[in-house]
Amino acid sequence: MSETDATPPVLERRGARATIRLNRPRHLNRLQADDLDVLLQLFAAVEADSALRVLVLTGTGRAFSAGYDLNSVAERATSDVEQKSAGSAFEAVVNRLEDIGIPTICRLNGGVYGGSTDLALACDFRIGVDTCEMFMPAARLGLHYYKSGIARYVTRLGLDNAKRLFLTAEKIGATEMLRIGYLTSMVPAEALDEEVDRLVDILAGNAPIAMRGMKQTIHEIARGRLDEEAADRRARDSMRGEEIKEGIRAFAEKRPPKF
């Protein structure tokens, strides 16, 4: 694909895998206001397709994403009308991605900057090339980041790492991203697709209803809002469901399960 072929995010389907690709490579896949609406539509399309078991989010070109368009941020900063929320539409997109029921993988093909660090963090797994880097520049811009994004940093990376990344606006490389838990795994560029495909195959082969329920419970625990009755009900239902019957049969027959 030519670097001049800039478009809103695009959705590709292949078997059980959906891939959403940010596609403005000349501008390091910087997200525009219109892109946010498109992403919400694509997320809804993925969830509506029961054949899809895994979502991969990635970028075109040499970076994953440079984050949200700073010109739009500047317009809001100088507007006489106060917005309802500091995060507004971008926050809604990131939170929607985190709440998608199927497992999500961020394929970090390059650098990840600004708000896109939170977009990647909203995915369940992040596989990055060993040359990628990240930074969160909010403190340099005079911006107090929206609260759900800060909470995601704290719950996923820990208090000290969240303070370091937000308050220093320090750029860190792939090795450090792996050490603090931002990356699930780090690979050379030539091995990126192989590693992503490996994880896709694992996730696509597991029980979708059980995974969806456990993902919801994990998120509720992380947010301090566990619905214990609902979590218990999902666990009890799984003991009588078709998935566990197939899982036990497959284990006894020494074959992969077919969910």
Protein backbone atom coordinates (compact mmCIF):
# COMPACT_ATOMS: atom_id res chain seq x y z
CA MET A 1 0.00 0.00 0.00
CA SER A 2 1.33 3.44 -0.93
CA GLU A 3 1.95 5.93 1.86
CA THR A 4 -0.25 8.38 -0.05
CA ASP A 5 -3.30 6.12 0.30
CA ALA A 6 -4.69 7.64 3.49
CA THR A 7 -8.14 6.51 4.56
CA PRO A 8 -10.17 6.16 7.73
CA PRO A 9 -9.58 2.88 9.63
CA VAL A 10 -10.35 -0.23 7.60
CA LEU A 11 -11.75 -3.61 8.65
CA GLU A 12 -10.55 -6.90 7.20
CA ARG A 13 -12.10 -10.30 7.98
CA ARG A 14 -10.25 -13.59 7.62
CA GLY A 15 -11.84 -16.65 9.15
CA ALA A 16 -12.28 -16.10 12.89
CA ARG A 17 -9.99 -13.06 12.83
CA ALA A 18 -10.95 -9.41 12.36
CA THR A 19 -8.24 -6.83 11.73
CA ILE A 20 -8.79 -3.09 12.10
CA ARG A 21 -5.98 -1.09 10.52
CA LEU A 22 -5.27 2.59 11.14
CA ASN A 23 -4.44 3.89 7.70
CA ARG A 24 -2.87 7.35 7.58
CA PRO A 25 0.80 6.35 7.28
CA ARG A 26 2.15 9.71 6.08
CA HIS A 27 1.00 11.23 9.38
CA LEU A 28 1.95 8.20 11.50
CA ASN A 29 -1.71 7.13 11.65
CA ARG A 30 -2.71 10.19 13.64
CA LEU A 31 -6.42 9.87 14.41
CA GLN A 32 -8.82 12.48 13.06
CA ALA A 33 -12.25 13.30 14.50
CA ASP A 34 -14.01 11.38 11.70
CA ASP A 35 -11.85 8.32 12.40
CA LEU A 36 -13.39 8.01 15.85
CA ASP A 37 -16.90 7.54 14.48
CA VAL A 38 -15.57 4.99 12.01
CA LEU A 39 -13.84 3.03 14.77
CA LEU A 40 -17.06 2.85 16.79
CA GLN A 41 -18.89 1.56 13.72
CA LEU A 42 -16.20 -1.05 13.06
CA PHE A 43 -16.22 -2.22 16.68
CA ALA A 44 -20.00 -2.69 16.43
CA ALA A 45 -19.62 -4.61 13.17
CA VAL A 46 -17.06 -6.94 14.72
CA GLU A 47 -19.24 -7.69 17.73
CA ALA A 48 -22.26 -8.30 15.52
CA ASP A 49 -20.45 -11.02 13.53
CA SER A 50 -20.60 -14.24 15.54
CA ALA A 51 -18.01 -15.87 13.26
CA LEU A 52 -15.31 -13.53 14.56
CA ARG A 53 -13.42 -14.75 17.63
CA VAL A 54 -10.43 -12.36 17.83
CA LEU A 55 -9.84 -8.68 16.97
CA VAL A 56 -6.39 -7.39 15.94
CA LEU A 57 -5.76 -3.64 15.93
CA THR A 58 -2.71 -2.37 14.01
CA GLY A 59 -1.33 0.46 11.89
CA THR A 60 -0.07 0.95 8.35
CA GLY A 61 3.53 1.94 7.78
CA ARG A 62 6.30 2.62 10.29
CA ALA A 63 4.22 3.58 13.35
CA PHE A 64 1.18 2.25 15.13
CA SER A 65 -0.24 5.71 15.81
CA ALA A 66 0.79 9.22 16.77
CA GLY A 67 -2.39 9.59 18.81
CA TYR A 68 -5.22 12.07 18.43
CA ASP A 69 -4.88 15.11 16.17
CA LEU A 70 -3.39 17.94 18.22
CA ASN A 71 -5.16 20.54 16.08
CA SER A 72 -8.48 19.22 17.36
CA VAL A 73 -7.16 19.40 20.92
CA ALA A 74 -6.03 22.99 20.33
CA GLU A 75 -9.45 23.95 18.98
CA ARG A 76 -11.12 22.63 22.11
CA ALA A 77 -8.59 24.37 24.34
CA THR A 78 -9.39 27.76 22.77
CA SER A 79 -13.14 27.24 22.47
CA ASP A 80 -15.52 29.35 24.53
CA VAL A 81 -17.78 26.31 24.98
CA GLU A 82 -16.66 23.84 27.65
CA GLN A 83 -16.88 20.23 26.57
CA LYS A 84 -18.83 17.73 28.65
CA SER A 85 -15.80 15.49 29.24
CA ALA A 86 -12.05 15.95 29.04
CA GLY A 87 -11.73 12.80 26.96
CA SER A 88 -14.93 13.27 24.96
CA ALA A 89 -15.19 11.21 21.77
CA PHE A 90 -11.70 9.75 21.99
CA GLU A 91 -12.32 8.46 25.52
CA ALA A 92 -15.54 6.83 24.35
CA VAL A 93 -13.69 5.00 21.59
CA VAL A 94 -10.97 3.67 23.90
CA ASN A 95 -13.46 2.56 26.53
CA ARG A 96 -15.57 0.87 23.87
CA LEU A 97 -12.54 -1.05 22.63
CA GLU A 98 -11.73 -2.23 26.14
CA ASP A 99 -15.27 -3.53 26.59
CA ILE A 100 -15.44 -5.56 23.37
CA GLY A 101 -16.37 -9.10 24.38
CA ILE A 102 -13.94 -11.04 22.19
CA PRO A 103 -10.19 -11.05 22.92
CA THR A 104 -8.27 -8.14 21.39
CA ILE A 105 -4.63 -7.91 20.31
CA CYS A 106 -2.76 -4.72 19.48
CA ARG A 107 -0.15 -5.42 16.79
CA LEU A 108 2.39 -2.66 17.48
CA ASN A 109 4.20 -2.35 14.17
CA GLY A 110 6.05 0.76 15.38
CA GLY A 111 5.91 3.72 17.74
CA VAL A 112 2.87 4.47 19.86
CA TYR A 113 2.38 8.03 21.11
CA GLY A 114 -0.10 10.17 23.02
CA GLY A 115 -3.65 8.91 23.24
CA SER A 116 -2.85 5.91 21.10
CA THR A 117 -0.83 4.52 24.04
CA ASP A 118 -4.19 4.26 25.82
CA LEU A 119 -5.86 2.80 22.73
CA ALA A 120 -3.28 0.01 22.67
CA LEU A 121 -3.55 -0.45 26.43
CA ALA A 122 -7.29 -1.04 26.07
CA CYS A 123 -6.49 -4.21 24.12
CA ASP A 124 -6.08 -7.47 26.02
CA PHE A 125 -2.64 -8.18 24.54
CA ARG A 126 0.07 -6.01 22.95
CA ILE A 127 2.70 -7.56 20.69
CA GLY A 128 5.35 -5.09 19.58
CA VAL A 129 8.44 -4.95 17.42
CA ASP A 130 11.75 -4.53 19.24
CA THR A 131 12.21 -1.06 17.71
CA CYS A 132 8.93 0.41 18.97
CA GLU A 133 8.77 3.21 21.53
CA MET A 134 6.11 5.09 23.45
CA PHE A 135 5.46 8.27 25.36
CA MET A 136 2.52 10.05 26.94
CA PRO A 137 3.06 13.83 26.49
CA ALA A 138 0.10 15.14 28.52
CA ALA A 139 2.28 16.90 31.13
CA ARG A 140 4.28 18.69 28.41
CA LEU A 141 1.07 19.88 26.76
CA GLY A 142 -0.55 21.11 29.96
CA LEU A 143 -3.28 18.51 29.61
CA HIS A 144 -4.91 16.59 32.46
CA TYR A 145 -5.66 13.26 30.82
CA TYR A 146 -9.19 11.85 31.14
CA LYS A 147 -9.80 9.77 34.25
CA SER A 148 -10.64 6.42 32.61
CA GLY A 149 -7.34 6.53 30.73
CA ILE A 150 -5.36 7.22 33.90
CA ALA A 151 -7.24 4.40 35.63
CA ARG A 152 -6.29 2.04 32.80
CA TYR A 153 -2.60 2.93 33.21
CA VAL A 154 -2.78 2.41 36.98
CA THR A 155 -4.66 -0.91 36.88
CA ARG A 156 -2.63 -2.38 34.02
CA LEU A 157 0.85 -0.98 34.67
CA GLY A 158 0.81 -0.16 38.37
CA LEU A 159 0.89 3.08 40.35
CA ASP A 160 4.60 3.86 40.01
CA ASN A 161 4.75 3.20 36.27
CA ALA A 162 1.62 5.30 35.70
CA LYS A 163 3.20 8.20 37.62
CA ARG A 164 6.44 7.87 35.71
CA LEU A 165 4.83 7.84 32.28
CA PHE A 166 2.28 10.60 32.92
CA LEU A 167 4.30 12.97 35.09
CA THR A 168 7.67 12.81 33.30
CA ALA A 169 6.37 12.43 29.72
CA GLU A 170 9.48 10.29 29.29
CA LYS A 171 9.91 8.31 26.07
CA ILE A 172 10.74 4.64 26.63
CA GLY A 173 11.79 1.91 24.23
CA ALA A 174 10.52 -1.59 23.58
CA THR A 175 12.68 -3.35 26.17
CA GLU A 176 11.40 -1.06 28.92
CA MET A 177 7.84 -1.34 27.59
CA LEU A 178 8.16 -5.10 28.00
CA ARG A 179 9.67 -4.81 31.49
CA ILE A 180 6.84 -2.66 32.89
CA GLY A 181 4.18 -4.87 31.32
CA TYR A 182 3.04 -2.55 28.57
CA LEU A 183 4.06 -5.14 25.98
CA THR A 184 2.83 -8.69 26.31
CA SER A 185 5.69 -9.80 24.08
CA MET A 186 8.44 -8.19 22.00
CA VAL A 187 9.73 -9.62 18.72
CA PRO A 188 11.93 -8.62 15.76
CA ALA A 189 9.96 -6.99 12.94
CA GLU A 190 10.27 -10.07 10.75
CA ALA A 191 8.63 -12.21 13.45
CA LEU A 192 5.74 -9.87 14.26
CA ASP A 193 3.10 -11.50 12.08
CA GLU A 194 4.11 -14.99 13.15
CA GLU A 195 3.75 -14.08 16.83
CA VAL A 196 0.42 -12.34 16.29
CA ASP A 197 -0.87 -15.30 14.25
CA ARG A 198 0.23 -17.71 16.99
CA LEU A 199 -1.76 -15.83 19.64
CA VAL A 200 -4.75 -15.42 17.33
CA ASP A 201 -4.84 -19.19 16.77
CA ILE A 202 -4.70 -19.88 20.52
CA LEU A 203 -7.51 -17.44 21.32
CA ALA A 204 -9.68 -18.46 18.38
CA GLY A 205 -9.45 -22.08 19.53
CA ASN A 206 -10.63 -21.46 23.09
CA ALA A 207 -14.21 -21.43 24.37
CA PRO A 208 -15.73 -18.06 23.34
CA ILE A 209 -18.51 -17.85 25.94
CA ALA A 210 -16.17 -18.75 28.79
CA MET A 211 -13.57 -16.23 27.59
CA ARG A 212 -16.14 -13.46 27.21
CA GLY A 213 -17.43 -14.03 30.73
CA MET A 214 -13.97 -14.22 32.30
CA LYS A 215 -12.86 -11.08 30.48
CA GLN A 216 -15.86 -9.23 31.90
CA THR A 217 -15.14 -10.48 35.42
CA ILE A 218 -11.45 -9.55 35.17
CA HIS A 219 -12.36 -6.00 34.08
CA GLU A 220 -14.91 -5.61 36.86
CA ILE A 221 -12.37 -6.72 39.46
CA ALA A 222 -9.73 -4.34 38.06
CA ARG A 223 -12.21 -1.46 38.20
CA GLY A 224 -13.35 -2.33 41.72
CA ARG A 225 -16.92 -2.91 40.50
CA LEU A 226 -17.34 -6.68 40.55
CA ASP A 227 -20.92 -7.90 40.18
CA GLU A 228 -20.41 -11.02 42.30
CA GLU A 229 -23.86 -12.45 41.64
CA ALA A 230 -23.47 -12.15 37.86
CA ALA A 231 -19.95 -13.61 37.95
CA ASP A 232 -21.15 -16.54 40.05
CA ARG A 233 -24.04 -17.09 37.65
CA ARG A 234 -21.72 -17.18 34.64
CA ALA A 235 -19.53 -19.73 36.43
CA ARG A 236 -22.52 -21.92 37.31
CA ASP A 237 -23.93 -21.65 33.79
CA SER A 238 -20.60 -22.75 32.32
CA MET A 239 -20.79 -25.99 34.31
CA ARG A 240 -24.01 -26.87 32.44
CA GLY A 241 -23.10 -25.43 29.06
CA GLU A 242 -22.15 -27.05 25.79
CA GLU A 243 -18.62 -25.65 25.89
CA ILE A 244 -17.54 -27.63 28.95
CA LYS A 245 -19.07 -30.80 27.52
CA GLU A 246 -17.02 -30.41 24.34
CA GLY A 247 -13.91 -29.42 26.31
CA ILE A 248 -14.09 -32.55 28.47
CA ARG A 249 -14.78 -34.79 25.45
CA ALA A 250 -11.83 -33.31 23.58
CA PHE A 251 -9.55 -33.78 26.60
CA ALA A 252 -10.58 -37.43 26.96
CA GLU A 253 -10.15 -38.05 23.24
CA LYS A 254 -6.80 -36.24 23.16
CA ARG A 255 -7.85 -33.82 20.43
CA PRO A 256 -8.31 -30.06 20.11
CA PRO A 257 -11.78 -28.91 21.17
CA LYS A 258 -14.21 -27.55 18.57
CA PHE A 259 -16.16 -24.67 20.03
